Amino acid sequence: MEFIENFFLIKYSQEKLIKWFRQICIAEAISWLLLFSAMIWIREDKEGILPIIYISVMGSIHGLFFTLYLILAFPCRKIYQWDDEDSVFALLAAFFPLATIWIDKKLAKFERE
């Protein structure tokens, strides 16, 4: 994991990583909502080809944002000086719907209570 942190922190500025992390948090949550809409659509139209294409595309997009969130969480741990508990919470948030928005608003701050 230290390899990922060092790779990003040496190559990119903290401001750029923070901006990317915030954007990925929002994009991951939005892509989850779109993926959920695809699941509802495919449940209603089981024989249609469009829901299958839509869920395949949205699943791939959501998978990309999910992976980017997990990768960027490691350098952000060092930037925001998260302890182990905060880091595990940030990683687990990727597995719950819309939790990455909460991470962006509450945990990804320099001065927290």
PDB file of N, CA and C in Angstrom:
ATOM      1  N   MET A   1       0.804  -1.186   0.000  1.00  0.00           N
ATOM      2  CA  MET A   1       0.000   0.000   0.000  1.00  0.00           C
ATOM      3  C   MET A   1       0.859   1.266   0.000  1.00  0.00           C
ATOM      4  N   GLU A   2       2.020   1.167   0.579  1.00  0.00           N
ATOM      5  CA  GLU A   2       2.894   2.335   0.611  1.00  0.00           C
ATOM      6  C   GLU A   2       3.353   2.706  -0.796  1.00  0.00           C
ATOM      7  N   PHE A   3       3.433   1.710  -1.685  1.00  0.00           N
ATOM      8  CA  PHE A   3       3.802   1.975  -3.069  1.00  0.00           C
ATOM      9  C   PHE A   3       2.787   2.917  -3.717  1.00  0.00           C
ATOM     10  N   ILE A   4       1.504   2.653  -3.485  1.00  0.00           N
ATOM     11  CA  ILE A   4       0.454   3.498  -4.065  1.00  0.00           C
ATOM     12  C   ILE A   4       0.547   4.914  -3.509  1.00  0.00           C
ATOM     13  N   GLU A   5       0.724   5.041  -2.203  1.00  0.00           N
ATOM     14  CA  GLU A   5       0.839   6.364  -1.590  1.00  0.00           C
ATOM     15  C   GLU A   5       2.028   7.121  -2.164  1.00  0.00           C
ATOM     16  N   ASN A   6       3.182   6.471  -2.221  1.00  0.00           N
ATOM     17  CA  ASN A   6       4.380   7.138  -2.724  1.00  0.00           C
ATOM     18  C   ASN A   6       4.253   7.499  -4.198  1.00  0.00           C
ATOM     19  N   PHE A   7       3.639   6.634  -4.979  1.00  0.00           N
ATOM     20  CA  PHE A   7       3.471   6.901  -6.404  1.00  0.00           C
ATOM     21  C   PHE A   7       2.672   8.180  -6.625  1.00  0.00           C
ATOM     22  N   PHE A   8       1.551   8.312  -5.936  1.00  0.00           N
ATOM     23  CA  PHE A   8       0.703   9.477  -6.132  1.00  0.00           C
ATOM     24  C   PHE A   8       1.279  10.731  -5.497  1.00  0.00           C
ATOM     25  N   LEU A   9       1.840  10.614  -4.297  1.00  0.00           N
ATOM     26  CA  LEU A   9       2.322  11.795  -3.596  1.00  0.00           C
ATOM     27  C   LEU A   9       3.576  12.384  -4.237  1.00  0.00           C
ATOM     28  N   ILE A  10       4.381  11.563  -4.872  1.00  0.00           N
ATOM     29  CA  ILE A  10       5.570  12.075  -5.544  1.00  0.00           C
ATOM     30  C   ILE A  10       5.202  12.672  -6.893  1.00  0.00           C
ATOM     31  N   LYS A  11       4.287  12.058  -7.578  1.00  0.00           N
ATOM     32  CA  LYS A  11       3.972  12.444  -8.945  1.00  0.00           C
ATOM     33  C   LYS A  11       3.006  13.623  -9.041  1.00  0.00           C
ATOM     34  N   TYR A  12       2.090  13.760  -8.093  1.00  0.00           N
ATOM     35  CA  TYR A  12       1.042  14.775  -8.177  1.00  0.00           C
ATOM     36  C   TYR A  12       1.007  15.605  -6.901  1.00  0.00           C
ATOM     37  N   SER A  13       0.531  16.835  -7.036  1.00  0.00           N
ATOM     38  CA  SER A  13       0.437  17.714  -5.867  1.00  0.00           C
ATOM     39  C   SER A  13      -0.743  17.301  -4.990  1.00  0.00           C
ATOM     40  N   GLN A  14      -0.700  17.722  -3.738  1.00  0.00           N
ATOM     41  CA  GLN A  14      -1.792  17.405  -2.811  1.00  0.00           C
ATOM     42  C   GLN A  14      -3.104  18.022  -3.266  1.00  0.00           C
ATOM     43  N   GLU A  15      -3.043  19.231  -3.784  1.00  0.00           N
ATOM     44  CA  GLU A  15      -4.270  19.893  -4.242  1.00  0.00           C
ATOM     45  C   GLU A  15      -4.943  19.097  -5.355  1.00  0.00           C
ATOM     46  N   LYS A  16      -4.139  18.580  -6.274  1.00  0.00           N
ATOM     47  CA  LYS A  16      -4.693  17.804  -7.382  1.00  0.00           C
ATOM     48  C   LYS A  16      -5.297  16.493  -6.876  1.00  0.00           C
ATOM     49  N   LEU A  17      -4.616  15.830  -5.947  1.00  0.00           N
ATOM     50  CA  LEU A  17      -5.151  14.583  -5.393  1.00  0.00           C
ATOM     51  C   LEU A  17      -6.443  14.816  -4.621  1.00  0.00           C
ATOM     52  N   ILE A  18      -6.492  15.909  -3.867  1.00  0.00           N
ATOM     53  CA  ILE A  18      -7.712  16.236  -3.122  1.00  0.00           C
ATOM     54  C   ILE A  18      -8.859  16.500  -4.085  1.00  0.00           C
ATOM     55  N   LYS A  19      -8.591  17.241  -5.143  1.00  0.00           N
ATOM     56  CA  LYS A  19      -9.626  17.529  -6.145  1.00  0.00           C
ATOM     57  C   LYS A  19     -10.120  16.237  -6.794  1.00  0.00           C
ATOM     58  N   TRP A  20      -9.189  15.354  -7.166  1.00  0.00           N
ATOM     59  CA  TRP A  20      -9.582  14.076  -7.771  1.00  0.00           C
ATOM     60  C   TRP A  20     -10.393  13.230  -6.806  1.00  0.00           C
ATOM     61  N   PHE A  21      -9.971  13.174  -5.544  1.00  0.00           N
ATOM     62  CA  PHE A  21     -10.676  12.362  -4.560  1.00  0.00           C
ATOM     63  C   PHE A  21     -12.106  12.865  -4.364  1.00  0.00           C
ATOM     64  N   ARG A  22     -12.272  14.164  -4.275  1.00  0.00           N
ATOM     65  CA  ARG A  22     -13.614  14.722  -4.101  1.00  0.00           C
ATOM     66  C   ARG A  22     -14.493  14.415  -5.311  1.00  0.00           C
ATOM     67  N   GLN A  23     -13.935  14.536  -6.506  1.00  0.00           N
ATOM     68  CA  GLN A  23     -14.708  14.255  -7.712  1.00  0.00           C
ATOM     69  C   GLN A  23     -15.066  12.777  -7.814  1.00  0.00           C
ATOM     70  N   ILE A  24     -14.134  11.920  -7.442  1.00  0.00           N
ATOM     71  CA  ILE A  24     -14.394  10.480  -7.501  1.00  0.00           C
ATOM     72  C   ILE A  24     -15.437  10.070  -6.462  1.00  0.00           C
ATOM     73  N   CYS A  25     -15.426  10.701  -5.289  1.00  0.00           N
ATOM     74  CA  CYS A  25     -16.448  10.401  -4.267  1.00  0.00           C
ATOM     75  C   CYS A  25     -17.846  10.663  -4.822  1.00  0.00           C
ATOM     76  N   ILE A  26     -18.021  11.800  -5.455  1.00  0.00           N
ATOM     77  CA  ILE A  26     -19.331  12.155  -6.019  1.00  0.00           C
ATOM     78  C   ILE A  26     -19.668  11.250  -7.206  1.00  0.00           C
ATOM     79  N   ALA A  27     -18.701  11.030  -8.088  1.00  0.00           N
ATOM     80  CA  ALA A  27     -18.941  10.207  -9.277  1.00  0.00           C
ATOM     81  C   ALA A  27     -19.290   8.771  -8.903  1.00  0.00           C
ATOM     82  N   GLU A  28     -18.652   8.244  -7.872  1.00  0.00           N
ATOM     83  CA  GLU A  28     -18.943   6.872  -7.443  1.00  0.00           C
ATOM     84  C   GLU A  28     -20.376   6.772  -6.928  1.00  0.00           C
ATOM     85  N   ALA A  29     -20.815   7.759  -6.181  1.00  0.00           N
ATOM     86  CA  ALA A  29     -22.189   7.746  -5.661  1.00  0.00           C
ATOM     87  C   ALA A  29     -23.214   7.889  -6.790  1.00  0.00           C
ATOM     88  N   ILE A  30     -22.951   8.782  -7.723  1.00  0.00           N
ATOM     89  CA  ILE A  30     -23.877   8.965  -8.853  1.00  0.00           C
ATOM     90  C   ILE A  30     -23.921   7.715  -9.722  1.00  0.00           C
ATOM     91  N   SER A  31     -22.769   7.122  -9.970  1.00  0.00           N
ATOM     92  CA  SER A  31     -22.751   5.906 -10.796  1.00  0.00           C
ATOM     93  C   SER A  31     -23.485   4.762 -10.098  1.00  0.00           C
ATOM     94  N   TRP A  32     -23.436   4.735  -8.754  1.00  0.00           N
ATOM     95  CA  TRP A  32     -24.196   3.711  -8.044  1.00  0.00           C
ATOM     96  C   TRP A  32     -25.695   3.924  -8.245  1.00  0.00           C
ATOM     97  N   LEU A  33     -26.143   5.182  -8.190  1.00  0.00           N
ATOM     98  CA  LEU A  33     -27.561   5.466  -8.415  1.00  0.00           C
ATOM     99  C   LEU A  33     -27.996   5.052  -9.823  1.00  0.00           C
ATOM    100  N   LEU A  34     -27.146   5.343 -10.809  1.00  0.00           N
ATOM    101  CA  LEU A  34     -27.477   4.952 -12.179  1.00  0.00           C
ATOM    102  C   LEU A  34     -27.467   3.431 -12.334  1.00  0.00           C
ATOM    103  N   LEU A  35     -26.552   2.769 -11.660  1.00  0.00           N
ATOM    104  CA  LEU A  35     -26.524   1.309 -11.692  1.00  0.00           C
ATOM    105  C   LEU A  35     -27.773   0.738 -11.025  1.00  0.00           C
ATOM    106  N   PHE A  36     -28.216   1.355  -9.949  1.00  0.00           N
ATOM    107  CA  PHE A  36     -29.436   0.921  -9.279  1.00  0.00           C
ATOM    108  C   PHE A  36     -30.650   1.101 -10.191  1.00  0.00           C
ATOM    109  N   SER A  37     -30.680   2.220 -10.918  1.00  0.00           N
ATOM    110  CA  SER A  37     -31.786   2.416 -11.868  1.00  0.00           C
ATOM    111  C   SER A  37     -31.754   1.341 -12.950  1.00  0.00           C
ATOM    112  N   ALA A  38     -30.568   0.916 -13.342  1.00  0.00           N
ATOM    113  CA  ALA A  38     -30.452  -0.153 -14.332  1.00  0.00           C
ATOM    114  C   ALA A  38     -30.998  -1.469 -13.770  1.00  0.00           C
ATOM    115  N   MET A  39     -30.739  -1.715 -12.494  1.00  0.00           N
ATOM    116  CA  MET A  39     -31.252  -2.950 -11.879  1.00  0.00           C
ATOM    117  C   MET A  39     -32.775  -2.945 -11.821  1.00  0.00           C
ATOM    118  N   ILE A  40     -33.357  -1.777 -11.555  1.00  0.00           N
ATOM    119  CA  ILE A  40     -34.815  -1.677 -11.537  1.00  0.00           C
ATOM    120  C   ILE A  40     -35.373  -1.865 -12.946  1.00  0.00           C
ATOM    121  N   TRP A  41     -34.717  -1.237 -13.927  1.00  0.00           N
ATOM    122  CA  TRP A  41     -35.171  -1.325 -15.309  1.00  0.00           C
ATOM    123  C   TRP A  41     -35.116  -2.769 -15.813  1.00  0.00           C
ATOM    124  N   ILE A  42     -34.041  -3.480 -15.512  1.00  0.00           N
ATOM    125  CA  ILE A  42     -33.920  -4.864 -15.990  1.00  0.00           C
ATOM    126  C   ILE A  42     -34.922  -5.779 -15.280  1.00  0.00           C
ATOM    127  N   ARG A  43     -35.333  -5.401 -14.086  1.00  0.00           N
ATOM    128  CA  ARG A  43     -36.335  -6.198 -13.378  1.00  0.00           C
ATOM    129  C   ARG A  43     -37.712  -6.041 -14.021  1.00  0.00           C
ATOM    130  N   GLU A  44     -37.982  -4.841 -14.544  1.00  0.00           N
ATOM    131  CA  GLU A  44     -39.274  -4.579 -15.175  1.00  0.00           C
ATOM    132  C   GLU A  44     -39.343  -5.115 -16.611  1.00  0.00           C
ATOM    133  N   ASP A  45     -38.225  -5.035 -17.330  1.00  0.00           N
ATOM    134  CA  ASP A  45     -38.190  -5.444 -18.737  1.00  0.00           C
ATOM    135  C   ASP A  45     -37.170  -6.568 -18.895  1.00  0.00           C
ATOM    136  N   LYS A  46     -37.588  -7.776 -18.566  1.00  0.00           N
ATOM    137  CA  LYS A  46     -36.655  -8.907 -18.554  1.00  0.00           C
ATOM    138  C   LYS A  46     -36.254  -9.382 -19.944  1.00  0.00           C
ATOM    139  N   GLU A  47     -37.062  -9.102 -20.928  1.00  0.00           N
ATOM    140  CA  GLU A  47     -36.793  -9.596 -22.278  1.00  0.00           C
ATOM    141  C   GLU A  47     -36.075  -8.574 -23.152  1.00  0.00           C
ATOM    142  N   GLY A  48     -35.992  -7.330 -22.723  1.00  0.00           N
ATOM    143  CA  GLY A  48     -35.412  -6.279 -23.564  1.00  0.00           C
ATOM    144  C   GLY A  48     -33.894  -6.315 -23.611  1.00  0.00           C
ATOM    145  N   ILE A  49     -33.360  -5.861 -24.730  1.00  0.00           N
ATOM    146  CA  ILE A  49     -31.908  -5.814 -24.898  1.00  0.00           C
ATOM    147  C   ILE A  49     -31.333  -4.509 -24.338  1.00  0.00           C
ATOM    148  N   LEU A  50     -32.107  -3.426 -24.370  1.00  0.00           N
ATOM    149  CA  LEU A  50     -31.609  -2.135 -23.879  1.00  0.00           C
ATOM    150  C   LEU A  50     -31.257  -2.153 -22.392  1.00  0.00           C
ATOM    151  N   PRO A  51     -32.066  -2.757 -21.533  1.00  0.00           N
ATOM    152  CA  PRO A  51     -31.660  -2.817 -20.117  1.00  0.00           C
ATOM    153  C   PRO A  51     -30.371  -3.601 -19.896  1.00  0.00           C
ATOM    154  N   ILE A  52     -30.167  -4.623 -20.694  1.00  0.00           N
ATOM    155  CA  ILE A  52     -28.944  -5.421 -20.556  1.00  0.00           C
ATOM    156  C   ILE A  52     -27.730  -4.597 -20.972  1.00  0.00           C
ATOM    157  N   ILE A  53     -27.852  -3.863 -22.062  1.00  0.00           N
ATOM    158  CA  ILE A  53     -26.751  -2.996 -22.511  1.00  0.00           C
ATOM    159  C   ILE A  53     -26.501  -1.909 -21.473  1.00  0.00           C
ATOM    160  N   TYR A  54     -27.570  -1.299 -20.993  1.00  0.00           N
ATOM    161  CA  TYR A  54     -27.444  -0.217 -20.010  1.00  0.00           C
ATOM    162  C   TYR A  54     -26.778  -0.703 -18.725  1.00  0.00           C
ATOM    163  N   ILE A  55     -27.181  -1.858 -18.234  1.00  0.00           N
ATOM    164  CA  ILE A  55     -26.589  -2.354 -16.990  1.00  0.00           C
ATOM    165  C   ILE A  55     -25.132  -2.759 -17.203  1.00  0.00           C
ATOM    166  N   SER A  56     -24.794  -3.233 -18.378  1.00  0.00           N
ATOM    167  CA  SER A  56     -23.394  -3.573 -18.663  1.00  0.00           C
ATOM    168  C   SER A  56     -22.521  -2.325 -18.688  1.00  0.00           C
ATOM    169  N   VAL A  57     -23.016  -1.289 -19.341  1.00  0.00           N
ATOM    170  CA  VAL A  57     -22.259  -0.039 -19.422  1.00  0.00           C
ATOM    171  C   VAL A  57     -22.148   0.612 -18.051  1.00  0.00           C
ATOM    172  N   MET A  58     -23.262   0.708 -17.341  1.00  0.00           N
ATOM    173  CA  MET A  58     -23.234   1.352 -16.025  1.00  0.00           C
ATOM    174  C   MET A  58     -22.431   0.534 -15.013  1.00  0.00           C
ATOM    175  N   GLY A  59     -22.467  -0.760 -15.131  1.00  0.00           N
ATOM    176  CA  GLY A  59     -21.663  -1.601 -14.248  1.00  0.00           C
ATOM    177  C   GLY A  59     -20.173  -1.366 -14.463  1.00  0.00           C
ATOM    178  N   SER A  60     -19.781  -1.216 -15.703  1.00  0.00           N
ATOM    179  CA  SER A  60     -18.374  -0.940 -16.004  1.00  0.00           C
ATOM    180  C   SER A  60     -17.946   0.433 -15.504  1.00  0.00           C
ATOM    181  N   ILE A  61     -18.791   1.416 -15.711  1.00  0.00           N
ATOM    182  CA  ILE A  61     -18.476   2.778 -15.254  1.00  0.00           C
ATOM    183  C   ILE A  61     -18.400   2.814 -13.734  1.00  0.00           C
ATOM    184  N   HIS A  62     -19.358   2.186 -13.075  1.00  0.00           N
ATOM    185  CA  HIS A  62     -19.344   2.167 -11.613  1.00  0.00           C
ATOM    186  C   HIS A  62     -18.111   1.415 -11.096  1.00  0.00           C
ATOM    187  N   GLY A  63     -17.759   0.334 -11.752  1.00  0.00           N
ATOM    188  CA  GLY A  63     -16.559  -0.407 -11.363  1.00  0.00           C
ATOM    189  C   GLY A  63     -15.298   0.431 -11.487  1.00  0.00           C
ATOM    190  N   LEU A  64     -15.230   1.253 -12.517  1.00  0.00           N
ATOM    191  CA  LEU A  64     -14.087   2.148 -12.683  1.00  0.00           C
ATOM    192  C   LEU A  64     -14.009   3.153 -11.544  1.00  0.00           C
ATOM    193  N   PHE A  65     -15.125   3.819 -11.243  1.00  0.00           N
ATOM    194  CA  PHE A  65     -15.131   4.811 -10.169  1.00  0.00           C
ATOM    195  C   PHE A  65     -14.889   4.169  -8.801  1.00  0.00           C
ATOM    196  N   PHE A  66     -15.414   2.984  -8.597  1.00  0.00           N
ATOM    197  CA  PHE A  66     -15.206   2.242  -7.352  1.00  0.00           C
ATOM    198  C   PHE A  66     -13.722   1.949  -7.157  1.00  0.00           C
ATOM    199  N   THR A  67     -13.072   1.470  -8.212  1.00  0.00           N
ATOM    200  CA  THR A  67     -11.643   1.157  -8.146  1.00  0.00           C
ATOM    201  C   THR A  67     -10.813   2.412  -7.928  1.00  0.00           C
ATOM    202  N   LEU A  68     -11.137   3.483  -8.641  1.00  0.00           N
ATOM    203  CA  LEU A  68     -10.407   4.740  -8.457  1.00  0.00           C
ATOM    204  C   LEU A  68     -10.563   5.277  -7.042  1.00  0.00           C
ATOM    205  N   TYR A  69     -11.751   5.144  -6.473  1.00  0.00           N
ATOM    206  CA  TYR A  69     -11.970   5.581  -5.096  1.00  0.00           C
ATOM    207  C   TYR A  69     -11.064   4.807  -4.134  1.00  0.00           C
ATOM    208  N   LEU A  70     -11.020   3.490  -4.301  1.00  0.00           N
ATOM    209  CA  LEU A  70     -10.189   2.670  -3.417  1.00  0.00           C
ATOM    210  C   LEU A  70      -8.707   3.007  -3.571  1.00  0.00           C
ATOM    211  N   ILE A  71      -8.272   3.248  -4.797  1.00  0.00           N
ATOM    212  CA  ILE A  71      -6.862   3.583  -5.032  1.00  0.00           C
ATOM    213  C   ILE A  71      -6.518   4.951  -4.446  1.00  0.00           C
ATOM    214  N   LEU A  72      -7.398   5.928  -4.639  1.00  0.00           N
ATOM    215  CA  LEU A  72      -7.110   7.284  -4.151  1.00  0.00           C
ATOM    216  C   LEU A  72      -7.289   7.418  -2.639  1.00  0.00           C
ATOM    217  N   ALA A  73      -7.933   6.458  -2.017  1.00  0.00           N
ATOM    218  CA  ALA A  73      -8.099   6.533  -0.561  1.00  0.00           C
ATOM    219  C   ALA A  73      -6.762   6.391   0.161  1.00  0.00           C
ATOM    220  N   PHE A  74      -5.824   5.676  -0.419  1.00  0.00           N
ATOM    221  CA  PHE A  74      -4.532   5.482   0.236  1.00  0.00           C
ATOM    222  C   PHE A  74      -3.691   6.757   0.310  1.00  0.00           C
ATOM    223  N   PRO A  75      -3.499   7.498  -0.780  1.00  0.00           N
ATOM    224  CA  PRO A  75      -2.755   8.755  -0.624  1.00  0.00           C
ATOM    225  C   PRO A  75      -3.529   9.795   0.194  1.00  0.00           C
ATOM    226  N   CYS A  76      -4.851   9.735   0.149  1.00  0.00           N
ATOM    227  CA  CYS A  76      -5.643  10.688   0.938  1.00  0.00           C
ATOM    228  C   CYS A  76      -5.509  10.399   2.427  1.00  0.00           C
ATOM    229  N   ARG A  77      -5.231   9.176   2.772  1.00  0.00           N
ATOM    230  CA  ARG A  77      -4.989   8.852   4.178  1.00  0.00           C
ATOM    231  C   ARG A  77      -3.806   9.657   4.702  1.00  0.00           C
ATOM    232  N   LYS A  78      -2.763   9.738   3.906  1.00  0.00           N
ATOM    233  CA  LYS A  78      -1.578  10.482   4.311  1.00  0.00           C
ATOM    234  C   LYS A  78      -1.834  11.995   4.266  1.00  0.00           C
ATOM    235  N   ILE A  79      -2.569  12.444   3.257  1.00  0.00           N
ATOM    236  CA  ILE A  79      -2.842  13.881   3.117  1.00  0.00           C
ATOM    237  C   ILE A  79      -3.692  14.386   4.279  1.00  0.00           C
ATOM    238  N   TYR A  80      -4.771  13.688   4.595  1.00  0.00           N
ATOM    239  CA  TYR A  80      -5.689  14.113   5.658  1.00  0.00           C
ATOM    240  C   TYR A  80      -5.271  13.617   7.036  1.00  0.00           C
ATOM    241  N   GLN A  81      -4.222  12.834   7.109  1.00  0.00           N
ATOM    242  CA  GLN A  81      -3.698  12.278   8.351  1.00  0.00           C
ATOM    243  C   GLN A  81      -4.758  11.479   9.112  1.00  0.00           C
ATOM    244  N   TRP A  82      -5.378  10.544   8.381  1.00  0.00           N
ATOM    245  CA  TRP A  82      -6.355   9.663   8.989  1.00  0.00           C
ATOM    246  C   TRP A  82      -5.644   8.623   9.835  1.00  0.00           C
ATOM    247  N   ASP A  83      -6.242   8.271  10.960  1.00  0.00           N
ATOM    248  CA  ASP A  83      -5.713   7.152  11.735  1.00  0.00           C
ATOM    249  C   ASP A  83      -6.252   5.855  11.122  1.00  0.00           C
ATOM    250  N   ASP A  84      -5.927   4.729  11.713  1.00  0.00           N
ATOM    251  CA  ASP A  84      -6.327   3.437  11.142  1.00  0.00           C
ATOM    252  C   ASP A  84      -7.845   3.280  11.084  1.00  0.00           C
ATOM    253  N   GLU A  85      -8.524   3.740  12.110  1.00  0.00           N
ATOM    254  CA  GLU A  85      -9.988   3.627  12.150  1.00  0.00           C
ATOM    255  C   GLU A  85     -10.635   4.425  11.019  1.00  0.00           C
ATOM    256  N   ASP A  86     -10.173   5.645  10.804  1.00  0.00           N
ATOM    257  CA  ASP A  86     -10.722   6.464   9.718  1.00  0.00           C
ATOM    258  C   ASP A  86     -10.420   5.847   8.356  1.00  0.00           C
ATOM    259  N   SER A  87      -9.242   5.284   8.211  1.00  0.00           N
ATOM    260  CA  SER A  87      -8.858   4.670   6.936  1.00  0.00           C
ATOM    261  C   SER A  87      -9.724   3.462   6.617  1.00  0.00           C
ATOM    262  N   VAL A  88      -9.950   2.614   7.604  1.00  0.00           N
ATOM    263  CA  VAL A  88     -10.802   1.445   7.394  1.00  0.00           C
ATOM    264  C   VAL A  88     -12.228   1.887   7.093  1.00  0.00           C
ATOM    265  N   PHE A  89     -12.694   2.895   7.798  1.00  0.00           N
ATOM    266  CA  PHE A  89     -14.042   3.412   7.551  1.00  0.00           C
ATOM    267  C   PHE A  89     -14.163   3.959   6.132  1.00  0.00           C
ATOM    268  N   ALA A  90     -13.141   4.683   5.665  1.00  0.00           N
ATOM    269  CA  ALA A  90     -13.164   5.234   4.305  1.00  0.00           C
ATOM    270  C   ALA A  90     -13.161   4.114   3.269  1.00  0.00           C
ATOM    271  N   LEU A  91     -12.409   3.053   3.515  1.00  0.00           N
ATOM    272  CA  LEU A  91     -12.391   1.931   2.577  1.00  0.00           C
ATOM    273  C   LEU A  91     -13.714   1.169   2.582  1.00  0.00           C
ATOM    274  N   LEU A  92     -14.289   0.978   3.761  1.00  0.00           N
ATOM    275  CA  LEU A  92     -15.577   0.276   3.846  1.00  0.00           C
ATOM    276  C   LEU A  92     -16.718   1.094   3.250  1.00  0.00           C
ATOM    277  N   ALA A  93     -16.578   2.405   3.248  1.00  0.00           N
ATOM    278  CA  ALA A  93     -17.637   3.263   2.709  1.00  0.00           C
ATOM    279  C   ALA A  93     -17.863   3.014   1.222  1.00  0.00           C
ATOM    280  N   ALA A  94     -16.865   2.518   0.539  1.00  0.00           N
ATOM    281  CA  ALA A  94     -17.018   2.234  -0.888  1.00  0.00           C
ATOM    282  C   ALA A  94     -18.037   1.127  -1.147  1.00  0.00           C
ATOM    283  N   PHE A  95     -18.290   0.299  -0.155  1.00  0.00           N
ATOM    284  CA  PHE A  95     -19.190  -0.836  -0.334  1.00  0.00           C
ATOM    285  C   PHE A  95     -20.639  -0.514   0.027  1.00  0.00           C
ATOM    286  N   PHE A  96     -20.907   0.688   0.521  1.00  0.00           N
ATOM    287  CA  PHE A  96     -22.267   1.073   0.904  1.00  0.00           C
ATOM    288  C   PHE A  96     -22.758   2.204   0.004  1.00  0.00           C
ATOM    289  N   PRO A  97     -23.999   2.143  -0.404  1.00  0.00           N
ATOM    290  CA  PRO A  97     -24.533   3.149  -1.313  1.00  0.00           C
ATOM    291  C   PRO A  97     -24.461   4.561  -0.735  1.00  0.00           C
ATOM    292  N   LEU A  98     -23.960   5.470  -1.512  1.00  0.00           N
ATOM    293  CA  LEU A  98     -23.884   6.909  -1.223  1.00  0.00           C
ATOM    294  C   LEU A  98     -23.005   7.257  -0.023  1.00  0.00           C
ATOM    295  N   ALA A  99     -22.294   6.305   0.538  1.00  0.00           N
ATOM    296  CA  ALA A  99     -21.444   6.584   1.696  1.00  0.00           C
ATOM    297  C   ALA A  99     -20.213   7.392   1.315  1.00  0.00           C
ATOM    298  N   THR A 100     -19.813   7.343   0.050  1.00  0.00           N
ATOM    299  CA  THR A 100     -18.638   8.115  -0.356  1.00  0.00           C
ATOM    300  C   THR A 100     -18.913   9.612  -0.314  1.00  0.00           C
ATOM    301  N   ILE A 101     -20.169  10.004  -0.462  1.00  0.00           N
ATOM    302  CA  ILE A 101     -20.503  11.426  -0.323  1.00  0.00           C
ATOM    303  C   ILE A 101     -20.282  11.850   1.122  1.00  0.00           C
ATOM    304  N   TRP A 102     -20.651  10.994   2.059  1.00  0.00           N
ATOM    305  CA  TRP A 102     -20.426  11.309   3.469  1.00  0.00           C
ATOM    306  C   TRP A 102     -18.934  11.420   3.756  1.00  0.00           C
ATOM    307  N   ILE A 103     -18.138  10.542   3.174  1.00  0.00           N
ATOM    308  CA  ILE A 103     -16.684  10.606   3.348  1.00  0.00           C
ATOM    309  C   ILE A 103     -16.170  11.937   2.828  1.00  0.00           C
ATOM    310  N   ASP A 104     -16.655  12.350   1.679  1.00  0.00           N
ATOM    311  CA  ASP A 104     -16.223  13.616   1.088  1.00  0.00           C
ATOM    312  C   ASP A 104     -16.592  14.800   1.976  1.00  0.00           C
ATOM    313  N   LYS A 105     -17.761  14.782   2.565  1.00  0.00           N
ATOM    314  CA  LYS A 105     -18.239  15.935   3.347  1.00  0.00           C
ATOM    315  C   LYS A 105     -17.718  15.949   4.781  1.00  0.00           C
ATOM    316  N   LYS A 106     -17.540  14.804   5.392  1.00  0.00           N
ATOM    317  CA  LYS A 106     -17.201  14.766   6.824  1.00  0.00           C
ATOM    318  C   LYS A 106     -15.761  14.340   7.110  1.00  0.00           C
ATOM    319  N   LEU A 107     -15.284  13.305   6.452  1.00  0.00           N
ATOM    320  CA  LEU A 107     -13.985  12.737   6.792  1.00  0.00           C
ATOM    321  C   LEU A 107     -12.840  13.386   6.018  1.00  0.00           C
ATOM    322  N   ALA A 108     -13.110  13.834   4.805  1.00  0.00           N
ATOM    323  CA  ALA A 108     -12.057  14.413   3.975  1.00  0.00           C
ATOM    324  C   ALA A 108     -11.912  15.905   4.251  1.00  0.00           C
ATOM    325  N   LYS A 109     -11.513  16.216   5.463  1.00  0.00           N
ATOM    326  CA  LYS A 109     -11.270  17.599   5.890  1.00  0.00           C
ATOM    327  C   LYS A 109      -9.981  17.623   6.680  1.00  0.00           C
ATOM    328  N   PHE A 110      -9.333  18.782   6.645  1.00  0.00           N
ATOM    329  CA  PHE A 110      -8.086  18.915   7.395  1.00  0.00           C
ATOM    330  C   PHE A 110      -8.345  19.173   8.881  1.00  0.00           C
ATOM    331  N   GLU A 111      -9.377  19.935   9.181  1.00  0.00           N
ATOM    332  CA  GLU A 111      -9.678  20.247  10.577  1.00  0.00           C
ATOM    333  C   GLU A 111     -11.039  19.669  10.933  1.00  0.00           C
ATOM    334  N   ARG A 112     -11.025  18.519  11.584  1.00  0.00           N
ATOM    335  CA  ARG A 112     -12.262  17.867  11.998  1.00  0.00           C
ATOM    336  C   ARG A 112     -12.367  17.943  13.509  1.00  0.00           C
ATOM    337  N   GLU A 113     -13.619  17.807  13.995  1.00  0.00           N
ATOM    338  CA  GLU A 113     -13.829  17.777  15.430  1.00  0.00           C
ATOM    339  C   GLU A 113     -13.471  16.440  16.001  1.00  0.00           C
TER     340      GLU A 113
END
